Amino acid sequence: MAETSARLLALLSLLQTHGERSGTDLARRLGVTARTVRRDVDRLRELGYPVLAARGTAGYRLGRGAAMPPLLLDDEEAVAVVVGLRTAADGSVSGIEEASLRALGKLEQVLPSRLRQRVSTLHGATVRAGAEPGPTVSHGTLMAVAEACRRRERLRFDYTGPHGGESVRTVEPHSLVSFGRRWYLVALDTDRRDWRTFRVDRLVPRTPTGPRFEPSRPPYGDAALYVSHQLSSGVWPHRAVVRLHEPVEAVADRVWPGMGVLEAVDERSCLFHLGAESPYQLVWMITSVNVDFTLVSGPPELVGALRDQARRCAAALPDGEVPGTEGPVR
């Protein structure tokens, strides 16, 4: 009986997680015959779970019904959910902290002891870096923007700019992008007829939403990539593009989010788009990638900053020799 009950739970988990599955596939995964699968499906139906037979195929799927099936999680899924809830309780979206803690408490009550110990071990060994709190977004605002994106409806909102100026904007919302501890809305500004990124913590939606629209494709073909470009170069007073003499794959792990954006060119090089507060910050960002490069475009001050850096490096090596070695640097 215990073996049968475990198999029913495993069958329910497969239907819940993977959608429609063929009887043959279910039998293979459960290690039983197709006939046993049919009997187990009948038992689930007797227990009130709406297991539907797919028309035209020998498959099954879990339908929607009054009886809510139990939430079945394997070990990795359970730990992932708990970690996610703990993070949400101390995250960038306001108004969900208490709800996250309530859900976390309910989940931890039903976790097997071995999983509770794993979760507690992970939580106890983890220290959150960067205690400086970032801006938070109202969950109501986040959902209102997300709903406008889903419905493809124009959105009007009051917006506070980075320098305190206020305006009313009308946009065709495309996507929400979570970047670090901030949320950004990527949208087509209908008044300016151009794409923009908006900090969601600085906007207050107006209701009702506007008419529906036919979505356009954001710059670079990807909302997240567009935000990366904007944050790495578009908003900075000093911007540059350099050609790195290595392919994208060789340097991708040296460029962190917000530092810059890489653009593939060929098998031997790529372009590095970046921005900073000063030309000297651009210099250390470029050289930190530790790759030979060629300046493609940038402010005149950047040329001088690169020459200054070259002189400092040369002056650090008297007579062109490295201390502790023989002969000049080659």
Protein backbone atom coordinates (compact mmCIF):
# COMPACT_ATOMS: atom_id res chain seq x y z
CA MET A 1 0.00 0.00 0.00
CA ALA A 2 2.83 2.36 0.87
CA GLU A 3 4.46 1.61 -2.50
CA THR A 4 1.20 2.35 -4.32
CA SER A 5 0.69 5.64 -2.44
CA ALA A 6 4.24 6.74 -3.25
CA ARG A 7 3.67 5.90 -6.91
CA LEU A 8 0.44 7.91 -6.98
CA LEU A 9 2.25 10.92 -5.56
CA ALA A 10 5.03 10.48 -8.12
CA LEU A 11 2.44 10.27 -10.91
CA LEU A 12 0.69 13.39 -9.65
CA SER A 13 4.01 15.21 -9.48
CA LEU A 14 4.82 14.32 -13.08
CA LEU A 15 1.43 15.54 -14.29
CA GLN A 16 1.70 18.71 -12.21
CA THR A 17 5.19 19.59 -13.40
CA HIS A 18 5.37 18.49 -17.01
CA GLY A 19 1.85 19.04 -18.32
CA GLU A 20 0.62 16.53 -20.88
CA ARG A 21 2.49 13.23 -20.84
CA SER A 22 1.92 10.05 -22.79
CA GLY A 23 1.00 6.88 -20.96
CA THR A 24 4.14 5.21 -22.34
CA ASP A 25 6.36 7.98 -21.00
CA LEU A 26 4.69 7.91 -17.58
CA ALA A 27 5.09 4.14 -17.41
CA ARG A 28 8.78 4.42 -18.25
CA ARG A 29 9.41 7.11 -15.66
CA LEU A 30 7.53 5.24 -12.94
CA GLY A 31 8.97 1.85 -13.84
CA VAL A 32 5.58 0.20 -14.30
CA THR A 33 3.38 -0.99 -17.15
CA ALA A 34 0.99 1.18 -19.15
CA ARG A 35 -1.87 -0.81 -17.61
CA THR A 36 -0.70 0.14 -14.10
CA VAL A 37 -0.58 3.78 -15.16
CA ARG A 38 -4.22 3.58 -16.30
CA ARG A 39 -5.24 2.07 -12.96
CA ASP A 40 -3.34 4.76 -11.05
CA VAL A 41 -5.01 7.46 -13.12
CA ASP A 42 -8.40 6.00 -12.20
CA ARG A 43 -7.39 6.07 -8.50
CA LEU A 44 -6.42 9.75 -8.76
CA ARG A 45 -9.78 10.53 -10.35
CA GLU A 46 -11.56 8.71 -7.50
CA LEU A 47 -9.63 10.93 -5.06
CA GLY A 48 -10.94 14.04 -6.83
CA TYR A 49 -8.01 14.97 -9.04
CA PRO A 50 -9.16 15.90 -12.57
CA VAL A 51 -6.78 13.84 -14.71
CA LEU A 52 -7.87 14.33 -18.31
CA ALA A 53 -7.18 12.05 -21.25
CA ALA A 54 -5.85 14.08 -24.17
CA ARG A 55 -7.92 13.72 -27.31
CA GLY A 56 -6.24 12.09 -30.25
CA THR A 57 -3.26 10.91 -28.20
CA ALA A 58 -2.65 8.29 -25.55
CA GLY A 59 -1.70 11.01 -23.09
CA TYR A 60 -2.83 12.54 -19.82
CA ARG A 61 -2.83 15.99 -18.30
CA LEU A 62 -3.95 17.49 -15.02
CA GLY A 63 -7.01 19.69 -15.44
CA ARG A 64 -8.33 22.47 -13.25
CA GLY A 65 -10.85 21.42 -10.64
CA ALA A 66 -12.35 22.13 -7.24
CA ALA A 67 -9.94 19.80 -5.49
CA MET A 68 -6.52 21.44 -5.39
CA PRO A 69 -3.73 18.86 -5.75
CA PRO A 70 -0.95 18.96 -3.18
CA LEU A 71 2.13 20.96 -4.06
CA LEU A 72 4.77 18.30 -4.67
CA LEU A 73 8.39 19.42 -4.59
CA ASP A 74 11.57 17.42 -4.82
CA ASP A 75 14.51 18.24 -2.55
CA GLU A 76 16.14 20.77 -4.87
CA GLU A 77 12.82 22.50 -5.63
CA ALA A 78 11.94 22.80 -1.93
CA VAL A 79 15.30 24.36 -1.06
CA ALA A 80 15.03 26.73 -4.05
CA VAL A 81 11.56 27.91 -2.95
CA VAL A 82 12.69 28.49 0.64
CA VAL A 83 15.77 30.45 -0.45
CA GLY A 84 13.62 32.49 -2.83
CA LEU A 85 11.12 33.34 -0.09
CA ARG A 86 13.89 34.36 2.31
CA THR A 87 15.34 36.61 -0.38
CA ALA A 88 11.93 38.10 -1.17
CA ALA A 89 11.42 38.95 2.51
CA ASP A 90 14.50 41.17 2.29
CA GLY A 91 14.29 42.20 -1.34
CA SER A 92 13.50 45.18 -3.53
CA VAL A 93 9.70 44.77 -3.69
CA SER A 94 7.85 46.33 -0.76
CA GLY A 95 4.60 44.99 0.61
CA ILE A 96 5.43 41.31 0.16
CA GLU A 97 7.78 40.89 3.13
CA GLU A 98 5.10 39.66 5.55
CA ALA A 99 3.45 37.49 2.90
CA SER A 100 6.84 35.92 2.09
CA LEU A 101 7.48 35.18 5.75
CA ARG A 102 4.00 33.65 6.17
CA ALA A 103 4.50 31.42 3.14
CA LEU A 104 7.97 30.52 4.36
CA GLY A 105 6.61 29.50 7.76
CA LYS A 106 3.95 27.30 6.19
CA LEU A 107 6.44 25.62 3.90
CA GLU A 108 9.04 24.98 6.60
CA GLN A 109 6.37 23.32 8.78
CA VAL A 110 5.79 20.61 6.20
CA LEU A 111 9.38 20.11 5.07
CA PRO A 112 10.92 16.77 6.05
CA SER A 113 13.50 17.07 8.82
CA ARG A 114 16.39 16.41 6.44
CA LEU A 115 15.34 19.35 4.26
CA ARG A 116 14.73 21.66 7.22
CA GLN A 117 18.28 20.94 8.31
CA ARG A 118 19.66 21.69 4.83
CA VAL A 119 17.74 24.95 4.62
CA SER A 120 18.80 26.01 8.13
CA THR A 121 22.42 25.15 7.33
CA LEU A 122 22.34 27.25 4.17
CA HIS A 123 20.62 30.16 5.92
CA GLY A 124 23.00 30.05 8.90
CA ALA A 125 26.09 30.00 6.70
CA THR A 126 24.93 32.88 4.46
CA VAL A 127 25.78 36.52 5.13
CA ARG A 128 24.16 39.21 3.03
CA ALA A 129 26.73 41.61 1.61
CA GLY A 130 25.95 45.23 0.92
CA ALA A 131 23.73 46.10 3.85
CA GLU A 132 23.00 49.48 2.27
CA PRO A 133 19.29 49.33 1.42
CA GLY A 134 18.32 50.07 -2.14
CA PRO A 135 15.12 51.58 -3.51
CA THR A 136 11.99 49.50 -3.10
CA VAL A 137 9.05 49.14 -5.46
CA SER A 138 5.44 48.80 -4.35
CA HIS A 139 4.13 45.39 -5.30
CA GLY A 140 0.93 47.14 -6.45
CA THR A 141 2.90 49.33 -8.85
CA LEU A 142 4.87 46.35 -10.10
CA MET A 143 1.70 44.37 -10.80
CA ALA A 144 -0.03 47.33 -12.48
CA VAL A 145 2.92 47.78 -14.85
CA ALA A 146 3.19 44.03 -15.47
CA GLU A 147 -0.53 43.84 -16.28
CA ALA A 148 -0.21 46.68 -18.79
CA CYS A 149 2.70 44.81 -20.42
CA ARG A 150 0.65 41.62 -20.59
CA ARG A 151 -2.46 43.29 -21.97
CA ARG A 152 -0.42 45.48 -24.34
CA GLU A 153 -2.21 48.58 -23.15
CA ARG A 154 -0.78 52.08 -23.09
CA LEU A 155 0.30 53.21 -19.66
CA ARG A 156 0.25 56.76 -18.23
CA PHE A 157 2.19 57.53 -15.09
CA ASP A 158 3.68 60.34 -13.04
CA TYR A 159 7.45 60.12 -13.20
CA THR A 160 10.16 61.69 -11.04
CA GLY A 161 13.43 62.10 -12.94
CA PRO A 162 16.91 61.54 -11.51
CA HIS A 163 17.27 65.24 -10.71
CA GLY A 164 13.83 65.64 -9.13
CA GLY A 165 11.89 66.95 -12.11
CA GLU A 166 8.34 65.59 -12.45
CA SER A 167 6.45 64.78 -15.62
CA VAL A 168 3.52 62.75 -16.95
CA ARG A 169 4.56 60.09 -19.42
CA THR A 170 2.54 57.98 -21.85
CA VAL A 171 4.21 54.82 -23.05
CA GLU A 172 3.68 51.50 -24.75
CA PRO A 173 5.14 49.16 -22.11
CA HIS A 174 7.20 46.22 -23.31
CA SER A 175 8.91 44.51 -20.36
CA LEU A 176 9.97 44.78 -16.75
CA VAL A 177 13.67 44.18 -16.18
CA SER A 178 15.13 43.37 -12.76
CA PHE A 179 18.72 44.61 -12.63
CA GLY A 180 20.52 44.32 -9.29
CA ARG A 181 18.19 45.77 -6.66
CA ARG A 182 16.33 47.95 -9.14
CA TRP A 183 13.37 47.41 -11.45
CA TYR A 184 13.21 49.06 -14.86
CA LEU A 185 10.37 49.44 -17.34
CA VAL A 186 11.37 49.24 -20.99
CA ALA A 187 8.80 51.11 -23.05
CA LEU A 188 8.23 53.11 -26.20
CA ASP A 189 7.58 56.74 -25.21
CA THR A 190 4.68 57.80 -27.45
CA ASP A 191 5.37 61.53 -27.11
CA ARG A 192 9.07 61.23 -27.97
CA ARG A 193 8.58 58.28 -30.34
CA ASP A 194 11.65 56.63 -28.92
CA TRP A 195 12.52 53.85 -26.52
CA ARG A 196 13.19 54.69 -22.88
CA THR A 197 13.99 52.96 -19.61
CA PHE A 198 12.14 54.09 -16.48
CA ARG A 199 12.96 53.32 -12.86
CA VAL A 200 9.79 51.68 -11.53
CA ASP A 201 10.39 53.04 -8.01
CA ARG A 202 10.08 56.55 -9.49
CA LEU A 203 6.75 56.10 -11.26
CA VAL A 204 3.13 56.15 -10.10
CA PRO A 205 0.67 54.59 -12.58
CA ARG A 206 -2.48 56.44 -13.56
CA THR A 207 -5.69 54.54 -14.14
CA PRO A 208 -7.37 53.48 -16.26
CA THR A 209 -4.83 52.28 -18.79
CA GLY A 210 -5.04 53.44 -22.38
CA PRO A 211 -5.92 51.71 -25.65
CA ARG A 212 -4.23 48.55 -26.81
CA PHE A 213 -1.28 48.70 -29.18
CA GLU A 214 0.69 46.47 -31.50
CA PRO A 215 4.02 45.75 -29.77
CA SER A 216 7.29 46.87 -31.33
CA ARG A 217 10.69 45.27 -30.97
CA PRO A 218 13.01 47.02 -28.48
CA PRO A 219 16.54 48.13 -29.46
CA TYR A 220 19.04 45.27 -29.81
CA GLY A 221 16.03 42.95 -30.03
CA ASP A 222 16.07 42.29 -26.29
CA ALA A 223 14.78 44.37 -23.36
CA ALA A 224 17.41 43.17 -20.89
CA LEU A 225 20.23 43.89 -23.35
CA TYR A 226 18.80 47.35 -23.99
CA VAL A 227 18.79 48.12 -20.25
CA SER A 228 22.38 46.87 -19.99
CA HIS A 229 23.40 49.23 -22.79
CA GLN A 230 21.58 52.14 -21.16
CA LEU A 231 23.11 51.56 -17.75
CA SER A 232 26.62 50.98 -19.05
CA SER A 233 26.86 53.89 -21.45
CA GLY A 234 23.71 55.83 -22.21
CA VAL A 235 23.34 57.62 -18.86
CA TRP A 236 27.03 58.44 -18.29
CA PRO A 237 28.65 61.79 -19.18
CA HIS A 238 31.71 60.04 -20.70
CA ARG A 239 31.20 57.15 -23.10
CA ALA A 240 33.53 55.07 -25.20
CA VAL A 241 33.74 52.08 -27.53
CA VAL A 242 36.89 49.98 -27.73
CA ARG A 243 37.74 46.96 -29.80
CA LEU A 244 39.01 44.13 -27.62
CA HIS A 245 41.37 41.79 -29.45
CA GLU A 246 39.72 38.67 -28.08
CA PRO A 247 36.34 37.07 -28.91
CA VAL A 248 33.33 37.69 -26.71
CA GLU A 249 33.50 34.22 -25.17
CA ALA A 250 37.05 34.83 -23.89
CA VAL A 251 36.25 38.06 -22.01
CA ALA A 252 32.58 37.76 -21.05
CA ASP A 253 33.33 36.66 -17.48
CA ARG A 254 35.48 39.78 -16.91
CA VAL A 255 32.69 42.26 -17.64
CA TRP A 256 30.15 42.46 -14.85
CA PRO A 257 26.57 43.73 -15.31
CA GLY A 258 26.47 47.52 -15.43
CA MET A 259 30.15 47.82 -16.32
CA GLY A 260 29.63 47.61 -20.05
CA VAL A 261 28.17 45.65 -22.93
CA LEU A 262 30.07 43.37 -25.28
CA GLU A 263 29.20 43.09 -28.95
CA ALA A 264 30.54 40.24 -31.04
CA VAL A 265 32.49 41.23 -34.16
CA ASP A 266 34.35 38.14 -35.37
CA GLU A 267 36.31 35.16 -34.06
CA ARG A 268 39.21 37.36 -32.98
CA SER A 269 37.65 40.51 -31.54
CA CYS A 270 34.59 42.19 -30.03
CA LEU A 271 33.39 45.70 -29.21
CA PHE A 272 33.16 46.93 -25.63
CA HIS A 273 30.58 49.71 -25.01
CA LEU A 274 30.97 51.47 -21.68
CA GLY A 275 30.50 54.73 -19.82
CA ALA A 276 31.70 56.40 -16.63
CA GLU A 277 31.78 59.63 -14.62
CA SER A 278 35.28 60.54 -15.83
CA PRO A 279 37.80 59.56 -18.53
CA TYR A 280 40.10 58.12 -15.87
CA GLN A 281 37.36 55.77 -14.71
CA LEU A 282 36.99 54.65 -18.31
CA VAL A 283 40.71 53.86 -18.40
CA TRP A 284 40.68 51.51 -15.41
CA MET A 285 37.48 49.83 -16.61
CA ILE A 286 39.00 49.17 -20.04
CA THR A 287 42.35 47.97 -18.73
CA SER A 288 40.75 45.80 -16.02
CA VAL A 289 39.55 43.43 -18.74
CA ASN A 290 43.26 42.63 -19.28
CA VAL A 291 43.11 42.35 -23.07
CA ASP A 292 44.86 44.22 -25.87
CA PHE A 293 42.51 46.85 -27.26
CA THR A 294 42.06 49.67 -29.78
CA LEU A 295 40.10 52.82 -29.07
CA VAL A 296 37.22 53.13 -31.55
CA SER A 297 35.42 56.20 -30.20
CA GLY A 298 35.41 58.31 -27.08
CA PRO A 299 35.90 61.86 -25.75
CA PRO A 300 39.23 63.64 -26.46
CA GLU A 301 39.96 63.57 -22.72
CA LEU A 302 40.08 59.77 -22.87
CA VAL A 303 43.09 59.88 -25.21
CA GLY A 304 44.95 62.02 -22.70
CA ALA A 305 43.93 59.77 -19.81
CA LEU A 306 45.22 56.70 -21.67
CA ARG A 307 48.55 58.43 -22.35
CA ASP A 308 48.84 59.44 -18.70
CA GLN A 309 48.23 55.85 -17.66
CA ALA A 310 50.83 54.60 -20.15
CA ARG A 311 53.42 57.06 -18.80
CA ARG A 312 52.72 56.01 -15.21
CA CYS A 313 53.12 52.34 -16.08
CA ALA A 314 56.36 53.01 -17.96
CA ALA A 315 57.71 55.15 -15.11
CA ALA A 316 57.06 52.30 -12.67
CA LEU A 317 59.72 50.23 -14.49
CA PRO A 318 63.11 52.02 -14.42
CA ASP A 319 65.10 51.51 -17.63
CA GLY A 320 62.38 49.21 -18.89
CA GLU A 321 63.33 46.44 -16.48
CA VAL A 322 61.13 44.54 -14.05
CA PRO A 323 62.66 44.26 -10.53
CA GLY A 324 63.79 40.71 -9.85
CA THR A 325 64.17 39.77 -13.52
CA GLU A 326 66.94 40.06 -16.04
CA GLY A 327 66.61 42.17 -19.13
CA PRO A 328 63.97 44.55 -20.39
CA VAL A 329 60.28 43.86 -20.63
CA ARG A 330 59.39 42.26 -23.97
